[in-house]
């Protein structure tokens, strides 16, 4: 098997709104994520304008990292992590988003984490905005559809760059920024207002398609990201700042030219629409026709154009879980994905949530993206959500998770052999957390089990799974020993 670079960044990833808890502690304000009730594979999550005391809001407790951070970092250290990707809750730093001064208790919470990471030999990789914004920005400004939010974000990012100069060198501006291209992302990614009680489904935002609003919000995020990149480099030239894309790998259902063309166009829109803006500094050629045919008229100034051209990212990061199928046929079996729905692939196996498992798709995606951009790549989310069983002796034998990671790490090794400059890999939900899509705790990704379930039972105690020791061995061997003994 091909060798990974000796300085390869092995690690894992979490997100504040799914993991941290303490949603109203030490000055934190409510975020957009805090207004979402939990669901399951058959029941969509629901938005409420006010907190219902009888409802379950997964982000309010998450996995209670806020009170377990020292223990959790020790687990990451024991596994041998070189990097830990985490997000900062914007409303923990600026409770309303438009505040003049930051919340010092919030800043100090993350500072202690970053200091401890360095003591343990772990490099922090920080996502500045990961599926949450201060809810006040939604209520008062209409979320990211308002240009004013750019300045609020830039002030927030600049605060982080200054406060954590020397402590954090790897940054991502927006998590899965291309999710704003999907209706589901209107609220999750764009903080656009919803009606009280609106349901969030993979193919709807709960309030219609909202193409104009979503692409305007996306444009403002592009500008905000580009400004943040420039500021981050100015404050600390050692900062490496990346984009983060929800990676999509699709196949045509048939050899019909129409299916192939639809697949190519889906690939362009999902993977390269945002990638081109953030890596190349300009919209791709196919964007013009898309905007015209969908009657999308952006507030896009000459100043924006200059900002995008200058504020390009240093590396391209992405999430990869599964692949999909494209076809022009109307009646086909459907399967879910990362907030998406596509035609089922008869050649692949699927997990309990309907996600296809396709490691070769990861290798193909890595080659495709690197061939287009030729800048360093990082896989910052990858993993298997599954129901884990605790045995009578307390063990959790998650061989299915080990099998998934074995195949995907082998695919990355082959991509490196193909010539791809892959610099790091952070598995998703390295310690169990709640799912963004369904709000479930029982959909588990971690190497460490958190004693909490969808019925809000459990004491949040932590217990390593079988995969914990497997990943430890894999990291120690720099990806050479993936055996499951």
Foldseek 3Di string as FASTA:
>chain_A
DFFDPPQFFEAAEDELQWAAACCPPQQFAHKLLQQWFFFDLVGFIWGAPDDDPVTHRQSNPWLNCLVCVVVVLVLRLLLPGQEYEYEQALRQFVVQLPDPHTRVVSLVSVVVSLVVCVVSNYAYAYEHEEQIDNLNCCVPPQFLLHLVSLVSLLVSLLVCLQSCPVSHQHYEHYAQLLCLVAQLCCCRRGVGDEDGTFGRALRHVSHDGPNQSSVQSSLSSLLSQLSSLVSNCVSPVSHAYEYEHADEFEAEPDPPVVSVVVNVVVNCSRPPQSVCQQAQVDGDPVVVVVCVVVVHDYPADPVSSVSSRRRHGQEYEYEDEAYAYGYPDDDADWFDADSHIHHDDPVFDAAPSRGTQDLLSVLVRLVVVCVVRVGEYEYREYFAFHQWDQDPVRATAPVVRLVSVLSNLVSVSVSVVVVGRYRYYHYYCQDQTADPGRRWSRRGTHQKYFQAGPVRDGDSDIHGYLVSVQSSVCVVVSNPDSDRD
